[in-house]
Amino acid sequence: MPAGLVVLVGAPASGKTSFVRALIERRQIDAEAVVSSDEIRAELFGSSPAGTESDAADAAIFAERDRRIAARLATGRTAVAESTNVTSQARLRLIAMATRFNAPVTILRFDPDVTELLQQYTERGRTDLTTAQVRAYAAVMAQDAGADQLRSEGATTVHDVPGRRQGSTPVQAAALFSFA
């Protein structure tokens, strides 16, 4: 894939972070290329998600994410937007930024079925979300993040990242991708 903006799209617990860690471990991308909203949330507000679920906190987190992505794209480096990005509004914000820098946009879709998603969520022991919230993210993804929709929003390319349903581990999935 060409250098540019890589947008991960998937509900919480869909495997995005594990996939990115595998890319880094395999030296397919530099850790600095990954711009994670969860990591920015922890940097700005500490490790506890309590008290960071406000519009003001989200605005600060995503403004910092956008600043970091723009800094990378402005110098011709790849940036990986690691957040859920399941809504069209979230993706269009990122695609507009990439367009300003004439950078191609690659979207990687993480789309496990709801049962698999809830199993992964339970295994991770997350306490910052409820199962109802995970289901809601999955429903938005199913409605608003189909491959044709993503292309119509301006993605240069769209790829589905294989997961458990396809018998693939994050390391095996990472081996399928390269970023120039």
C-alpha atoms as a PDB file:
ATOM      1  CA  MET A   1       0.000   0.000   0.000  1.00  0.00           C
ATOM      2  CA  PRO A   2       1.252   3.495  -0.683  1.00  0.00           C
ATOM      3  CA  ALA A   3       2.284   5.785   2.127  1.00  0.00           C
ATOM      4  CA  GLY A   4      -0.538   7.986   3.303  1.00  0.00           C
ATOM      5  CA  LEU A   5      -3.342   7.715   5.799  1.00  0.00           C
ATOM      6  CA  VAL A   6      -4.388   4.278   7.014  1.00  0.00           C
ATOM      7  CA  VAL A   7      -7.762   4.381   8.746  1.00  0.00           C
ATOM      8  CA  LEU A   8      -8.738   1.464  10.941  1.00  0.00           C
ATOM      9  CA  VAL A   9     -12.497   0.905  11.094  1.00  0.00           C
ATOM     10  CA  GLY A  10     -13.986  -1.431  13.674  1.00  0.00           C
ATOM     11  CA  ALA A  11     -15.953  -1.661  16.874  1.00  0.00           C
ATOM     12  CA  PRO A  12     -14.128  -1.831  20.209  1.00  0.00           C
ATOM     13  CA  ALA A  13     -12.576  -5.305  20.715  1.00  0.00           C
ATOM     14  CA  SER A  14     -12.597  -6.045  16.972  1.00  0.00           C
ATOM     15  CA  GLY A  15      -8.818  -6.561  16.891  1.00  0.00           C
ATOM     16  CA  LYS A  16      -7.486  -3.192  15.732  1.00  0.00           C
ATOM     17  CA  THR A  17      -4.924  -2.730  18.511  1.00  0.00           C
ATOM     18  CA  SER A  18      -3.699  -6.343  18.344  1.00  0.00           C
ATOM     19  CA  PHE A  19      -3.289  -5.986  14.584  1.00  0.00           C
ATOM     20  CA  VAL A  20      -1.322  -2.732  14.936  1.00  0.00           C
ATOM     21  CA  ARG A  21       0.917  -4.276  17.606  1.00  0.00           C
ATOM     22  CA  ALA A  22       1.626  -7.150  15.214  1.00  0.00           C
ATOM     23  CA  LEU A  23       2.518  -4.687  12.436  1.00  0.00           C
ATOM     24  CA  ILE A  24       4.951  -2.942  14.793  1.00  0.00           C
ATOM     25  CA  GLU A  25       6.466  -6.204  16.057  1.00  0.00           C
ATOM     26  CA  ARG A  26       6.960  -7.361  12.464  1.00  0.00           C
ATOM     27  CA  ARG A  27       8.608  -3.971  11.726  1.00  0.00           C
ATOM     28  CA  GLN A  28       6.066  -3.278   8.991  1.00  0.00           C
ATOM     29  CA  ILE A  29       5.343   0.143  10.493  1.00  0.00           C
ATOM     30  CA  ASP A  30       7.050   2.337  13.048  1.00  0.00           C
ATOM     31  CA  ALA A  31       5.286   2.740  16.374  1.00  0.00           C
ATOM     32  CA  GLU A  32       5.352   6.506  15.778  1.00  0.00           C
ATOM     33  CA  ALA A  33       3.103   6.055  12.736  1.00  0.00           C
ATOM     34  CA  VAL A  34       0.242   4.862  14.934  1.00  0.00           C
ATOM     35  CA  VAL A  35      -1.988   7.617  16.284  1.00  0.00           C
ATOM     36  CA  SER A  36      -4.289   6.006  18.843  1.00  0.00           C
ATOM     37  CA  SER A  37      -7.203   7.878  20.374  1.00  0.00           C
ATOM     38  CA  ASP A  38      -7.055   5.538  23.397  1.00  0.00           C
ATOM     39  CA  GLU A  39      -3.375   6.361  23.960  1.00  0.00           C
ATOM     40  CA  ILE A  40      -4.046  10.084  23.576  1.00  0.00           C
ATOM     41  CA  ARG A  41      -6.932   9.781  26.065  1.00  0.00           C
ATOM     42  CA  ALA A  42      -4.538   8.154  28.560  1.00  0.00           C
ATOM     43  CA  GLU A  43      -1.867  10.838  27.945  1.00  0.00           C
ATOM     44  CA  LEU A  44      -4.301  13.708  28.417  1.00  0.00           C
ATOM     45  CA  PHE A  45      -6.511  12.321  31.176  1.00  0.00           C
ATOM     46  CA  GLY A  46      -4.648   9.424  32.808  1.00  0.00           C
ATOM     47  CA  SER A  47      -5.217   5.713  32.557  1.00  0.00           C
ATOM     48  CA  SER A  48      -8.751   5.707  33.950  1.00  0.00           C
ATOM     49  CA  PRO A  49     -11.492   6.376  31.424  1.00  0.00           C
ATOM     50  CA  ALA A  50     -13.701   7.752  34.230  1.00  0.00           C
ATOM     51  CA  GLY A  51     -14.440  11.406  33.653  1.00  0.00           C
ATOM     52  CA  THR A  52     -13.218  11.405  30.062  1.00  0.00           C
ATOM     53  CA  GLU A  53     -16.574  10.578  28.490  1.00  0.00           C
ATOM     54  CA  SER A  54     -17.561  14.151  27.717  1.00  0.00           C
ATOM     55  CA  ASP A  55     -17.859  16.173  24.547  1.00  0.00           C
ATOM     56  CA  ALA A  56     -15.036  18.452  25.738  1.00  0.00           C
ATOM     57  CA  ALA A  57     -12.723  15.518  26.436  1.00  0.00           C
ATOM     58  CA  ASP A  58     -13.524  13.928  23.074  1.00  0.00           C
ATOM     59  CA  ALA A  59     -12.895  17.242  21.314  1.00  0.00           C
ATOM     60  CA  ALA A  60      -9.474  17.547  22.979  1.00  0.00           C
ATOM     61  CA  ILE A  61      -8.556  13.940  22.185  1.00  0.00           C
ATOM     62  CA  PHE A  62      -9.528  14.132  18.528  1.00  0.00           C
ATOM     63  CA  ALA A  63      -7.977  17.585  18.041  1.00  0.00           C
ATOM     64  CA  GLU A  64      -4.670  16.151  19.276  1.00  0.00           C
ATOM     65  CA  ARG A  65      -5.117  13.047  17.107  1.00  0.00           C
ATOM     66  CA  ASP A  66      -5.727  15.240  14.070  1.00  0.00           C
ATOM     67  CA  ARG A  67      -2.682  17.392  14.885  1.00  0.00           C
ATOM     68  CA  ARG A  68      -0.438  14.315  15.062  1.00  0.00           C
ATOM     69  CA  ILE A  69      -1.821  12.819  11.855  1.00  0.00           C
ATOM     70  CA  ALA A  70      -1.458  16.129   9.989  1.00  0.00           C
ATOM     71  CA  ALA A  71       2.155  16.460  11.171  1.00  0.00           C
ATOM     72  CA  ARG A  72       2.993  13.056   9.706  1.00  0.00           C
ATOM     73  CA  LEU A  73       1.106  13.561   6.446  1.00  0.00           C
ATOM     74  CA  ALA A  74       2.662  17.017   5.960  1.00  0.00           C
ATOM     75  CA  THR A  75       6.095  15.375   5.815  1.00  0.00           C
ATOM     76  CA  GLY A  76       4.998  12.524   3.534  1.00  0.00           C
ATOM     77  CA  ARG A  77       5.003   9.883   6.262  1.00  0.00           C
ATOM     78  CA  THR A  78       2.364   7.240   6.812  1.00  0.00           C
ATOM     79  CA  ALA A  79      -0.105   7.797   9.642  1.00  0.00           C
ATOM     80  CA  VAL A  80      -2.343   5.077  11.073  1.00  0.00           C
ATOM     81  CA  ALA A  81      -5.572   6.384  12.642  1.00  0.00           C
ATOM     82  CA  GLU A  82      -6.329   3.858  15.369  1.00  0.00           C
ATOM     83  CA  SER A  83      -9.790   4.581  16.691  1.00  0.00           C
ATOM     84  CA  THR A  84     -13.175   3.015  15.972  1.00  0.00           C
ATOM     85  CA  ASN A  85     -13.996   5.260  12.973  1.00  0.00           C
ATOM     86  CA  VAL A  86     -17.306   3.425  12.508  1.00  0.00           C
ATOM     87  CA  THR A  87     -19.269   6.582  11.676  1.00  0.00           C
ATOM     88  CA  SER A  88     -19.162   8.343   8.359  1.00  0.00           C
ATOM     89  CA  GLN A  89     -18.581  11.646  10.181  1.00  0.00           C
ATOM     90  CA  ALA A  90     -15.401  10.317  11.829  1.00  0.00           C
ATOM     91  CA  ARG A  91     -14.047   8.959   8.550  1.00  0.00           C
ATOM     92  CA  LEU A  92     -14.892  12.036   6.497  1.00  0.00           C
ATOM     93  CA  ARG A  93     -12.922  14.181   8.962  1.00  0.00           C
ATOM     94  CA  LEU A  94      -9.869  11.980   8.395  1.00  0.00           C
ATOM     95  CA  ILE A  95     -10.331  11.737   4.630  1.00  0.00           C
ATOM     96  CA  ALA A  96     -10.588  15.537   4.379  1.00  0.00           C
ATOM     97  CA  MET A  97      -7.293  15.826   6.246  1.00  0.00           C
ATOM     98  CA  ALA A  98      -5.589  13.352   3.911  1.00  0.00           C
ATOM     99  CA  THR A  99      -6.974  15.228   0.909  1.00  0.00           C
ATOM    100  CA  ARG A 100      -5.338  18.457   2.152  1.00  0.00           C
ATOM    101  CA  PHE A 101      -1.980  16.675   1.964  1.00  0.00           C
ATOM    102  CA  ASN A 102      -2.752  14.812  -1.275  1.00  0.00           C
ATOM    103  CA  ALA A 103      -2.288  11.550   0.633  1.00  0.00           C
ATOM    104  CA  PRO A 104      -4.015   8.323  -0.368  1.00  0.00           C
ATOM    105  CA  VAL A 105      -6.438   6.816   2.154  1.00  0.00           C
ATOM    106  CA  THR A 106      -6.373   3.103   2.869  1.00  0.00           C
ATOM    107  CA  ILE A 107      -9.189   1.790   5.027  1.00  0.00           C
ATOM    108  CA  LEU A 108      -8.745  -1.460   6.902  1.00  0.00           C
ATOM    109  CA  ARG A 109     -12.065  -2.942   8.061  1.00  0.00           C
ATOM    110  CA  PHE A 110     -12.298  -5.111  11.178  1.00  0.00           C
ATOM    111  CA  ASP A 111     -15.722  -6.707  11.025  1.00  0.00           C
ATOM    112  CA  PRO A 112     -16.150  -9.740  13.281  1.00  0.00           C
ATOM    113  CA  ASP A 113     -19.670 -10.998  13.902  1.00  0.00           C
ATOM    114  CA  VAL A 114     -21.300  -9.738  17.093  1.00  0.00           C
ATOM    115  CA  THR A 115     -20.837 -13.022  18.984  1.00  0.00           C
ATOM    116  CA  GLU A 116     -17.113 -13.028  18.212  1.00  0.00           C
ATOM    117  CA  LEU A 117     -16.857  -9.343  19.064  1.00  0.00           C
ATOM    118  CA  LEU A 118     -18.503  -9.826  22.466  1.00  0.00           C
ATOM    119  CA  GLN A 119     -16.255 -12.834  23.171  1.00  0.00           C
ATOM    120  CA  GLN A 120     -13.154 -10.759  22.416  1.00  0.00           C
ATOM    121  CA  TYR A 121     -14.532  -7.904  24.540  1.00  0.00           C
ATOM    122  CA  THR A 122     -15.110 -10.284  27.477  1.00  0.00           C
ATOM    123  CA  GLU A 123     -11.641 -11.839  27.122  1.00  0.00           C
ATOM    124  CA  ARG A 124     -10.022  -8.416  27.329  1.00  0.00           C
ATOM    125  CA  GLY A 125     -11.785  -7.583  30.583  1.00  0.00           C
ATOM    126  CA  ARG A 126     -12.490  -4.003  29.544  1.00  0.00           C
ATOM    127  CA  THR A 127     -14.466  -1.959  32.024  1.00  0.00           C
ATOM    128  CA  ASP A 128     -14.731   1.292  30.066  1.00  0.00           C
ATOM    129  CA  LEU A 129     -17.587   0.004  27.879  1.00  0.00           C
ATOM    130  CA  THR A 130     -20.697  -2.067  28.376  1.00  0.00           C
ATOM    131  CA  THR A 131     -21.734  -4.946  26.136  1.00  0.00           C
ATOM    132  CA  ALA A 132     -24.637  -2.750  24.998  1.00  0.00           C
ATOM    133  CA  GLN A 133     -22.158  -0.092  23.849  1.00  0.00           C
ATOM    134  CA  VAL A 134     -20.068  -2.683  21.989  1.00  0.00           C
ATOM    135  CA  ARG A 135     -23.240  -3.936  20.295  1.00  0.00           C
ATOM    136  CA  ALA A 136     -24.151  -0.350  19.376  1.00  0.00           C
ATOM    137  CA  TYR A 137     -20.741   0.242  17.753  1.00  0.00           C
ATOM    138  CA  ALA A 138     -21.158  -3.020  15.815  1.00  0.00           C
ATOM    139  CA  ALA A 139     -24.618  -1.955  14.642  1.00  0.00           C
ATOM    140  CA  VAL A 140     -23.318   1.399  13.394  1.00  0.00           C
ATOM    141  CA  MET A 141     -20.469  -0.369  11.620  1.00  0.00           C
ATOM    142  CA  ALA A 142     -22.867  -2.816   9.952  1.00  0.00           C
ATOM    143  CA  GLN A 143     -25.068   0.052   8.781  1.00  0.00           C
ATOM    144  CA  ASP A 144     -22.487   2.689   7.825  1.00  0.00           C
ATOM    145  CA  ALA A 145     -19.157   1.025   7.049  1.00  0.00           C
ATOM    146  CA  GLY A 146     -19.655  -1.308   4.132  1.00  0.00           C
ATOM    147  CA  ALA A 147     -16.857  -1.433   1.554  1.00  0.00           C
ATOM    148  CA  ASP A 148     -18.905   0.425  -1.079  1.00  0.00           C
ATOM    149  CA  GLN A 149     -19.805   3.152   1.436  1.00  0.00           C
ATOM    150  CA  LEU A 150     -16.135   3.552   2.392  1.00  0.00           C
ATOM    151  CA  ARG A 151     -15.097   3.910  -1.246  1.00  0.00           C
ATOM    152  CA  SER A 152     -17.860   6.458  -1.872  1.00  0.00           C
ATOM    153  CA  GLU A 153     -16.515   8.543   1.028  1.00  0.00           C
ATOM    154  CA  GLY A 154     -13.164   8.867  -0.730  1.00  0.00           C
ATOM    155  CA  ALA A 155     -11.066   5.909   0.376  1.00  0.00           C
ATOM    156  CA  THR A 156      -8.408   5.035  -2.181  1.00  0.00           C
ATOM    157  CA  THR A 157      -8.554   1.365  -1.181  1.00  0.00           C
ATOM    158  CA  VAL A 158     -10.564  -0.731   1.273  1.00  0.00           C
ATOM    159  CA  HIS A 159      -9.390  -4.055   2.706  1.00  0.00           C
ATOM    160  CA  ASP A 160     -11.052  -6.441   5.136  1.00  0.00           C
ATOM    161  CA  VAL A 161      -8.648  -7.628   7.811  1.00  0.00           C
ATOM    162  CA  PRO A 162      -9.159 -11.327   8.539  1.00  0.00           C
ATOM    163  CA  GLY A 163      -9.820 -12.343  12.125  1.00  0.00           C
ATOM    164  CA  ARG A 164     -10.861 -15.368  14.140  1.00  0.00           C
ATOM    165  CA  ARG A 165     -13.812 -16.123  11.883  1.00  0.00           C
ATOM    166  CA  GLN A 166     -11.334 -16.630   9.033  1.00  0.00           C
ATOM    167  CA  GLY A 167      -8.950 -18.578  11.290  1.00  0.00           C
ATOM    168  CA  SER A 168      -6.417 -15.737  11.357  1.00  0.00           C
ATOM    169  CA  THR A 169      -4.403 -14.358  14.260  1.00  0.00           C
ATOM    170  CA  PRO A 170      -3.370 -10.701  14.337  1.00  0.00           C
ATOM    171  CA  VAL A 171       0.186 -11.697  13.359  1.00  0.00           C
ATOM    172  CA  GLN A 172      -1.079 -13.722  10.391  1.00  0.00           C
ATOM    173  CA  ALA A 173      -3.365 -10.849   9.337  1.00  0.00           C
ATOM    174  CA  ALA A 174      -0.499  -8.339   9.654  1.00  0.00           C
ATOM    175  CA  ALA A 175       1.638 -10.457   7.321  1.00  0.00           C
ATOM    176  CA  LEU A 176      -0.873  -9.773   4.545  1.00  0.00           C
ATOM    177  CA  PHE A 177      -0.223  -6.016   4.523  1.00  0.00           C
ATOM    178  CA  SER A 178       2.706  -3.746   3.791  1.00  0.00           C
ATOM    179  CA  PHE A 179       3.034   0.008   3.905  1.00  0.00           C
ATOM    180  CA  ALA A 180       5.511   1.824   1.677  1.00  0.00           C
END
